[in-house]
Amino acid sequence: MRLALEESALESDEITEESGISFLVNERDKVYFNNVKIDYTKSLFGGGQFIILKV
């Protein structure tokens, strides 16, 4: 499983929107997103990253 930026969705992708951001989840990876939350954290150097948290 990986997080990446995509230009468009595949027919088999599930699209979820949260706070105005659309997330695409590939059909084969859906099982990994049960009971998780995606969060964005900023680093000390001004960048940031998405992290996956178990709920």
N, C-alpha and C. Protein backbone atom coordinates (compact mmCIF):
# COMPACT_ATOMS: atom_id res chain seq x y z
N MET A 1 0.85 -1.17 0.00
CA MET A 1 0.00 0.00 0.00
C MET A 1 0.90 1.23 0.00
N ARG A 2 0.51 2.24 -0.79
CA ARG A 2 1.27 3.48 -0.83
C ARG A 2 0.32 4.64 -1.05
N LEU A 3 0.75 5.81 -0.63
CA LEU A 3 0.00 7.03 -0.89
C LEU A 3 0.69 7.76 -2.03
N ALA A 4 -0.06 8.19 -3.02
CA ALA A 4 0.52 8.89 -4.17
C ALA A 4 -0.50 9.88 -4.72
N LEU A 5 -0.01 10.87 -5.43
CA LEU A 5 -0.88 11.82 -6.12
C LEU A 5 -1.26 11.23 -7.47
N GLU A 6 -2.53 11.32 -7.83
CA GLU A 6 -3.02 10.78 -9.09
C GLU A 6 -3.78 11.86 -9.85
N GLU A 7 -3.68 11.85 -11.15
CA GLU A 7 -4.39 12.82 -12.00
C GLU A 7 -5.85 12.46 -12.17
N SER A 8 -6.16 11.16 -12.26
CA SER A 8 -7.53 10.73 -12.48
C SER A 8 -7.77 9.36 -11.84
N ALA A 9 -9.04 9.07 -11.63
CA ALA A 9 -9.42 7.81 -11.00
C ALA A 9 -9.57 6.71 -12.03
N LEU A 10 -9.28 5.48 -11.60
CA LEU A 10 -9.58 4.31 -12.42
C LEU A 10 -11.03 3.93 -12.17
N GLU A 11 -11.58 3.15 -13.04
CA GLU A 11 -12.98 2.73 -12.90
C GLU A 11 -13.20 1.94 -11.61
N SER A 12 -12.19 1.20 -11.16
CA SER A 12 -12.32 0.37 -9.97
C SER A 12 -11.98 1.11 -8.67
N ASP A 13 -11.57 2.38 -8.74
CA ASP A 13 -11.23 3.15 -7.54
C ASP A 13 -12.47 3.63 -6.82
N GLU A 14 -12.38 3.68 -5.51
CA GLU A 14 -13.44 4.27 -4.69
C GLU A 14 -12.98 5.68 -4.33
N ILE A 15 -13.86 6.67 -4.50
CA ILE A 15 -13.51 8.05 -4.24
C ILE A 15 -14.17 8.50 -2.94
N THR A 16 -13.35 9.04 -2.02
CA THR A 16 -13.82 9.56 -0.75
C THR A 16 -13.35 10.99 -0.64
N GLU A 17 -14.22 11.88 -0.18
CA GLU A 17 -13.83 13.28 -0.03
C GLU A 17 -13.90 13.68 1.43
N GLU A 18 -12.87 14.37 1.89
CA GLU A 18 -12.81 14.84 3.26
C GLU A 18 -12.17 16.22 3.27
N SER A 19 -12.85 17.19 3.84
CA SER A 19 -12.35 18.58 3.94
C SER A 19 -11.94 19.14 2.59
N GLY A 20 -12.69 18.81 1.55
CA GLY A 20 -12.42 19.33 0.22
C GLY A 20 -11.32 18.61 -0.54
N ILE A 21 -10.76 17.54 0.02
CA ILE A 21 -9.71 16.77 -0.63
C ILE A 21 -10.29 15.42 -1.03
N SER A 22 -10.12 15.05 -2.31
CA SER A 22 -10.59 13.75 -2.78
C SER A 22 -9.50 12.71 -2.63
N PHE A 23 -9.86 11.56 -2.07
CA PHE A 23 -8.94 10.45 -1.92
C PHE A 23 -9.44 9.30 -2.77
N LEU A 24 -8.55 8.69 -3.53
CA LEU A 24 -8.86 7.52 -4.34
C LEU A 24 -8.30 6.29 -3.64
N VAL A 25 -9.13 5.28 -3.51
CA VAL A 25 -8.67 4.03 -2.89
C VAL A 25 -8.86 2.93 -3.92
N ASN A 26 -7.75 2.28 -4.26
CA ASN A 26 -7.80 1.18 -5.21
C ASN A 26 -8.59 0.02 -4.61
N GLU A 27 -9.34 -0.65 -5.45
CA GLU A 27 -10.21 -1.74 -4.99
C GLU A 27 -9.45 -2.79 -4.20
N ARG A 28 -8.26 -3.15 -4.63
CA ARG A 28 -7.51 -4.21 -3.93
C ARG A 28 -6.92 -3.74 -2.60
N ASP A 29 -6.84 -2.40 -2.40
CA ASP A 29 -6.28 -1.86 -1.17
C ASP A 29 -7.33 -1.45 -0.15
N LYS A 30 -8.62 -1.56 -0.48
CA LYS A 30 -9.69 -1.13 0.42
C LYS A 30 -9.61 -1.80 1.79
N VAL A 31 -9.22 -3.04 1.83
CA VAL A 31 -9.17 -3.78 3.09
C VAL A 31 -8.20 -3.13 4.08
N TYR A 32 -7.17 -2.47 3.60
CA TYR A 32 -6.19 -1.82 4.48
C TYR A 32 -6.71 -0.52 5.08
N PHE A 33 -7.81 0.00 4.56
CA PHE A 33 -8.35 1.27 5.05
C PHE A 33 -9.54 1.09 5.98
N ASN A 34 -9.83 -0.14 6.39
CA ASN A 34 -10.86 -0.36 7.39
C ASN A 34 -10.32 0.08 8.74
N ASN A 35 -11.09 0.86 9.47
CA ASN A 35 -10.74 1.32 10.83
C ASN A 35 -9.45 2.13 10.87
N VAL A 36 -9.22 2.98 9.87
CA VAL A 36 -8.07 3.87 9.88
C VAL A 36 -8.51 5.30 9.59
N LYS A 37 -7.64 6.23 9.95
CA LYS A 37 -7.86 7.65 9.69
C LYS A 37 -6.60 8.18 8.99
N ILE A 38 -6.78 8.99 7.96
CA ILE A 38 -5.65 9.61 7.28
C ILE A 38 -5.51 11.02 7.83
N ASP A 39 -4.31 11.36 8.28
CA ASP A 39 -4.05 12.67 8.86
C ASP A 39 -2.85 13.30 8.16
N TYR A 40 -2.78 14.62 8.17
CA TYR A 40 -1.67 15.35 7.57
C TYR A 40 -0.91 16.04 8.68
N THR A 41 0.39 15.82 8.75
CA THR A 41 1.21 16.47 9.76
C THR A 41 2.29 17.31 9.10
N LYS A 42 2.56 18.45 9.69
CA LYS A 42 3.62 19.33 9.18
C LYS A 42 4.93 18.99 9.89
N SER A 43 6.02 19.08 9.14
CA SER A 43 7.33 18.83 9.74
C SER A 43 7.92 20.14 10.24
N LEU A 44 9.00 20.05 10.97
CA LEU A 44 9.67 21.23 11.50
C LEU A 44 10.28 22.09 10.40
N PHE A 45 10.54 21.51 9.24
CA PHE A 45 11.20 22.21 8.15
C PHE A 45 10.23 22.76 7.11
N GLY A 46 8.93 22.81 7.43
CA GLY A 46 7.95 23.43 6.56
C GLY A 46 7.22 22.48 5.63
N GLY A 47 7.69 21.27 5.47
CA GLY A 47 7.01 20.29 4.64
C GLY A 47 5.95 19.56 5.44
N GLY A 48 5.42 18.52 4.88
CA GLY A 48 4.45 17.73 5.59
C GLY A 48 4.26 16.38 4.94
N GLN A 49 3.46 15.55 5.58
CA GLN A 49 3.19 14.23 5.03
C GLN A 49 1.86 13.72 5.55
N PHE A 50 1.26 12.82 4.78
CA PHE A 50 0.05 12.12 5.22
C PHE A 50 0.49 10.92 6.01
N ILE A 51 -0.20 10.65 7.11
CA ILE A 51 0.06 9.46 7.90
C ILE A 51 -1.25 8.70 8.09
N ILE A 52 -1.14 7.41 8.28
CA ILE A 52 -2.32 6.55 8.47
C ILE A 52 -2.35 6.13 9.93
N LEU A 53 -3.46 6.42 10.61
CA LEU A 53 -3.62 6.11 12.04
C LEU A 53 -4.69 5.04 12.21
N LYS A 54 -4.43 4.06 13.05
CA LYS A 54 -5.45 3.06 13.41
C LYS A 54 -6.46 3.71 14.33
N VAL A 55 -7.74 3.44 14.10
CA VAL A 55 -8.80 4.01 14.92
C VAL A 55 -9.36 2.93 15.82
